[in-house]
N, C-alpha and C. Protein backbone atom coordinates (compact mmCIF):
# COMPACT_ATOMS: atom_id res chain seq x y z
N UNK A 1 -32.57 5.12 23.10
CA UNK A 1 -33.41 3.73 22.79
C UNK A 1 -34.29 4.55 23.95
N UNK A 2 -35.71 3.68 23.78
CA UNK A 2 -36.66 4.15 24.33
C UNK A 2 -37.05 3.32 25.01
N UNK A 3 -38.09 3.90 26.49
CA UNK A 3 -37.70 2.92 26.92
C UNK A 3 -39.26 2.58 27.92
N UNK A 4 -39.87 1.31 28.04
CA UNK A 4 -41.39 1.40 27.65
C UNK A 4 -41.47 0.55 28.88
N UNK A 5 -42.66 1.22 29.29
CA UNK A 5 -43.02 0.22 30.63
C UNK A 5 -44.40 -0.04 30.18
N UNK A 6 -45.01 -2.02 30.82
CA UNK A 6 -46.07 -1.73 31.32
C UNK A 6 -46.48 -2.62 32.31
N UNK A 7 -47.73 -2.92 32.58
CA UNK A 7 -47.77 -3.50 33.11
C UNK A 7 -48.56 -5.46 32.56
N UNK A 8 -48.30 -6.66 33.08
CA UNK A 8 -48.71 -8.05 33.12
C UNK A 8 -49.90 -7.49 32.27
N UNK A 9 -50.86 -6.84 32.89
CA UNK A 9 -51.91 -7.49 32.18
C UNK A 9 -52.27 -6.63 30.86
N UNK A 10 -51.45 -5.79 30.56
CA UNK A 10 -52.16 -4.76 29.42
C UNK A 10 -50.61 -5.01 28.33
N UNK A 11 -49.34 -5.99 28.79
CA UNK A 11 -48.13 -6.94 28.32
C UNK A 11 -49.66 -8.07 27.81
N UNK A 12 -50.69 -9.58 28.28
CA UNK A 12 -51.07 -10.10 27.56
C UNK A 12 -52.39 -9.59 26.65
N UNK A 13 -52.72 -8.21 27.47
CA UNK A 13 -54.51 -8.28 26.29
C UNK A 13 -53.55 -7.16 25.05
N UNK A 14 -52.42 -6.80 24.96
CA UNK A 14 -51.36 -6.85 23.62
C UNK A 14 -51.15 -7.83 22.68
N UNK A 15 -51.14 -8.74 23.36
CA UNK A 15 -50.20 -10.42 22.56
C UNK A 15 -51.94 -10.95 22.70
N UNK A 16 -53.15 -10.49 23.34
CA UNK A 16 -54.04 -11.72 22.92
C UNK A 16 -54.79 -10.70 21.54
N UNK A 17 -55.03 -10.12 21.32
CA UNK A 17 -55.32 -8.59 20.15
C UNK A 17 -54.45 -9.08 19.41
N UNK A 18 -52.93 -9.33 19.35
CA UNK A 18 -52.16 -9.85 17.91
C UNK A 18 -53.12 -11.56 17.44
N UNK A 19 -53.15 -12.21 18.91
CA UNK A 19 -52.88 -13.72 18.15
C UNK A 19 -54.40 -13.71 17.26
N UNK A 20 -55.37 -13.01 17.95
CA UNK A 20 -57.55 -12.67 17.34
C UNK A 20 -57.41 -11.51 15.73
N UNK A 21 -55.97 -11.00 15.46
CA UNK A 21 -56.39 -10.20 15.17
C UNK A 21 -56.52 -11.05 13.32
N UNK A 22 -54.77 -11.73 12.87
CA UNK A 22 -54.04 -12.59 11.57
C UNK A 22 -55.39 -13.21 11.59
N UNK A 23 -55.87 -14.40 12.21
CA UNK A 23 -57.31 -15.07 12.04
C UNK A 23 -58.60 -14.35 11.20
N UNK A 24 -58.87 -13.16 11.69
CA UNK A 24 -59.94 -12.89 11.14
C UNK A 24 -59.58 -12.07 9.64
N UNK A 25 -59.02 -11.57 10.27
CA UNK A 25 -57.85 -10.91 7.77
C UNK A 25 -57.51 -11.91 7.34
N UNK A 26 -57.49 -13.48 7.03
CA UNK A 26 -57.67 -13.80 6.78
C UNK A 26 -58.58 -14.63 6.66
N UNK A 27 -59.28 -14.58 4.56
CA UNK A 27 -60.21 -15.51 4.47
C UNK A 27 -60.47 -16.91 4.18
N UNK A 28 -61.44 -17.11 5.12
CA UNK A 28 -61.45 -19.12 5.51
C UNK A 28 -61.49 -19.68 3.93
N UNK A 29 -61.04 -21.02 4.09
CA UNK A 29 -61.27 -21.53 2.84
C UNK A 29 -62.74 -22.51 2.03
N UNK A 30 -63.33 -22.38 2.71
CA UNK A 30 -64.18 -21.77 2.51
C UNK A 30 -65.62 -21.10 1.66
N UNK A 31 -65.27 -19.98 2.31
CA UNK A 31 -65.39 -18.90 1.05
C UNK A 31 -65.22 -18.60 0.21
N UNK A 32 -64.74 -18.64 -0.42
CA UNK A 32 -64.19 -19.06 -2.25
C UNK A 32 -64.51 -20.29 -2.93
N UNK A 33 -65.03 -19.99 -3.91
CA UNK A 33 -65.86 -20.96 -4.31
C UNK A 33 -64.67 -21.89 -5.82
N UNK A 34 -64.30 -23.43 -5.03
CA UNK A 34 -64.33 -23.73 -6.62
C UNK A 34 -64.15 -24.16 -7.80
N UNK A 35 -62.47 -23.86 -8.38
CA UNK A 35 -62.80 -23.57 -9.46
C UNK A 35 -63.39 -24.51 -10.80
N UNK A 36 -64.21 -24.32 -11.03
CA UNK A 36 -64.96 -24.94 -12.56
C UNK A 36 -63.55 -25.64 -13.67
N UNK A 37 -63.64 -26.58 -13.16
CA UNK A 37 -61.97 -27.71 -14.13
C UNK A 37 -63.29 -27.27 -15.35
N UNK A 38 -62.44 -27.29 -16.76
CA UNK A 38 -62.84 -27.10 -18.05
C UNK A 38 -62.68 -28.34 -18.90
N UNK A 39 -63.49 -28.57 -19.78
CA UNK A 39 -62.96 -29.83 -20.65
C UNK A 39 -63.72 -29.77 -21.59
N UNK A 40 -62.30 -30.51 -22.11
CA UNK A 40 -62.28 -29.84 -24.18
C UNK A 40 -63.16 -31.64 -24.88
N UNK A 41 -63.38 -31.19 -25.83
CA UNK A 41 -64.58 -31.79 -26.56
C UNK A 41 -63.84 -33.60 -26.49
N UNK A 42 -62.08 -32.96 -27.07
CA UNK A 42 -62.00 -34.77 -26.69
C UNK A 42 -61.83 -35.42 -26.20
N UNK A 43 -61.67 -34.36 -24.18
CA UNK A 43 -61.35 -35.71 -23.20
C UNK A 43 -63.08 -35.84 -22.98
N UNK A 44 -63.56 -35.55 -23.24
CA UNK A 44 -65.08 -36.00 -23.39
C UNK A 44 -65.46 -37.25 -23.96
N UNK A 45 -64.79 -37.52 -25.60
CA UNK A 45 -64.60 -38.76 -25.68
C UNK A 45 -64.47 -39.56 -24.75
N UNK A 46 -62.82 -39.24 -25.34
CA UNK A 46 -62.06 -40.32 -24.67
C UNK A 46 -62.97 -41.08 -23.49
N UNK A 47 -63.23 -40.46 -22.38
CA UNK A 47 -63.35 -40.51 -20.98
C UNK A 47 -64.99 -42.05 -21.66
N UNK A 48 -65.35 -41.19 -22.22
CA UNK A 48 -66.67 -41.68 -22.88
C UNK A 48 -66.35 -43.36 -23.25
N UNK A 49 -65.08 -43.19 -24.24
CA UNK A 49 -64.96 -45.04 -25.37
C UNK A 49 -63.69 -45.53 -24.15
N UNK A 50 -63.57 -44.86 -22.71
CA UNK A 50 -62.87 -45.46 -22.15
C UNK A 50 -64.17 -46.49 -21.08
N UNK A 51 -64.82 -46.38 -20.81
CA UNK A 51 -65.40 -46.89 -20.52
C UNK A 51 -66.37 -47.42 -21.25
N UNK A 52 -66.56 -47.32 -21.84
CA UNK A 52 -67.01 -48.64 -23.35
C UNK A 52 -65.92 -49.83 -23.19
N UNK A 53 -64.23 -49.64 -23.11
CA UNK A 53 -63.42 -50.69 -23.53
C UNK A 53 -63.48 -51.03 -22.47
N UNK A 54 -63.01 -50.22 -21.31
CA UNK A 54 -62.59 -50.96 -19.89
C UNK A 54 -63.02 -52.13 -19.93
N UNK A 55 -64.35 -52.48 -19.70
CA UNK A 55 -64.12 -54.21 -19.09
C UNK A 55 -64.11 -54.72 -20.29
N UNK A 56 -63.62 -55.03 -21.64
CA UNK A 56 -62.93 -55.96 -22.10
C UNK A 56 -61.27 -56.25 -21.64
N UNK A 57 -60.93 -55.50 -20.90
CA UNK A 57 -59.29 -55.29 -19.93
C UNK A 57 -60.07 -55.70 -19.08
N UNK A 58 -61.02 -56.20 -18.41
CA UNK A 58 -60.78 -57.05 -17.00
C UNK A 58 -60.98 -58.06 -16.06
N UNK A 59 -60.83 -58.43 -15.75
CA UNK A 59 -60.91 -59.66 -15.24
C UNK A 59 -61.97 -59.81 -14.78
N UNK A 60 -62.88 -61.16 -14.15
CA UNK A 60 -63.56 -61.71 -13.44
C UNK A 60 -63.86 -60.65 -12.56
N UNK A 61 -63.17 -60.62 -11.31
CA UNK A 61 -63.31 -60.28 -10.61
C UNK A 61 -63.62 -58.18 -10.19
N UNK A 62 -63.00 -58.01 -11.73
CA UNK A 62 -62.98 -56.13 -12.13
C UNK A 62 -61.22 -56.18 -11.65
N UNK A 63 -60.25 -56.89 -11.71
CA UNK A 63 -58.84 -56.31 -11.56
C UNK A 63 -58.69 -55.75 -13.38
N UNK A 64 -57.32 -55.47 -13.00
CA UNK A 64 -56.94 -55.10 -15.25
C UNK A 64 -56.24 -56.16 -15.00
N UNK A 65 -56.39 -56.93 -16.11
CA UNK A 65 -55.40 -58.10 -16.22
C UNK A 65 -54.58 -57.76 -17.26
N UNK A 66 -53.59 -58.25 -16.83
CA UNK A 66 -51.87 -57.78 -17.07
C UNK A 66 -51.73 -57.12 -18.66
N UNK A 67 -51.07 -55.69 -18.35
CA UNK A 67 -51.05 -54.54 -19.21
C UNK A 67 -52.52 -54.52 -19.46
N UNK A 68 -52.97 -54.79 -18.72
CA UNK A 68 -55.02 -54.13 -20.03
C UNK A 68 -55.69 -52.76 -20.01
N UNK A 69 -54.56 -52.07 -18.79
CA UNK A 69 -55.51 -51.03 -18.33
C UNK A 69 -54.37 -49.57 -19.40
N UNK A 70 -53.01 -50.13 -19.17
CA UNK A 70 -52.22 -49.71 -20.69
C UNK A 70 -53.02 -50.26 -22.14
N UNK A 71 -53.60 -51.08 -22.68
CA UNK A 71 -54.31 -51.24 -23.48
C UNK A 71 -55.97 -50.17 -23.45
N UNK A 72 -56.25 -50.65 -22.86
CA UNK A 72 -57.59 -49.45 -22.67
C UNK A 72 -57.76 -47.89 -23.18
N UNK A 73 -56.27 -47.35 -22.86
CA UNK A 73 -56.19 -46.17 -22.84
C UNK A 73 -55.89 -46.56 -23.64
N UNK A 74 -54.90 -47.30 -24.49
CA UNK A 74 -54.07 -46.77 -25.41
C UNK A 74 -55.83 -46.54 -26.78
N UNK A 75 -56.64 -47.90 -26.48
CA UNK A 75 -56.96 -48.09 -27.63
C UNK A 75 -57.76 -46.96 -27.15
N UNK A 76 -58.87 -46.37 -26.19
CA UNK A 76 -59.54 -45.19 -25.99
C UNK A 76 -59.63 -44.16 -26.51
N UNK A 77 -57.74 -43.57 -26.57
CA UNK A 77 -57.02 -42.53 -27.19
C UNK A 77 -57.38 -42.89 -29.00
N UNK A 78 -57.20 -43.91 -29.02
CA UNK A 78 -57.50 -44.39 -30.80
C UNK A 78 -59.19 -44.39 -31.19
N UNK A 79 -59.69 -44.60 -30.69
CA UNK A 79 -61.23 -44.42 -30.99
C UNK A 79 -61.78 -42.71 -31.05
N UNK A 80 -60.67 -42.36 -30.33
CA UNK A 80 -61.29 -40.83 -29.88
C UNK A 80 -60.31 -40.08 -30.67
N UNK A 81 -59.85 -40.39 -31.54
CA UNK A 81 -59.41 -39.71 -32.99
C UNK A 81 -59.66 -39.21 -33.89
N UNK A 82 -60.62 -40.93 -34.46
CA UNK A 82 -61.32 -41.10 -35.12
C UNK A 82 -62.75 -39.24 -35.02
């Protein structure tokens, strides 16, 4: 076996170099551009139709009525298929 002797200063400088090196090598999340989401024509039609029918299934306070969200989704899908 090899016997290595180091002074405390050499050991700390070695540890200091190790802790700084990986953070510099790893790219930060801000450098990457977010991936652009792709939407289909159907998704655009559905979104527009859902916005049209949603007020019908809401209360005056703006909350969804009972089974209102489910009904709005079903109607928007039906309208989008045409």
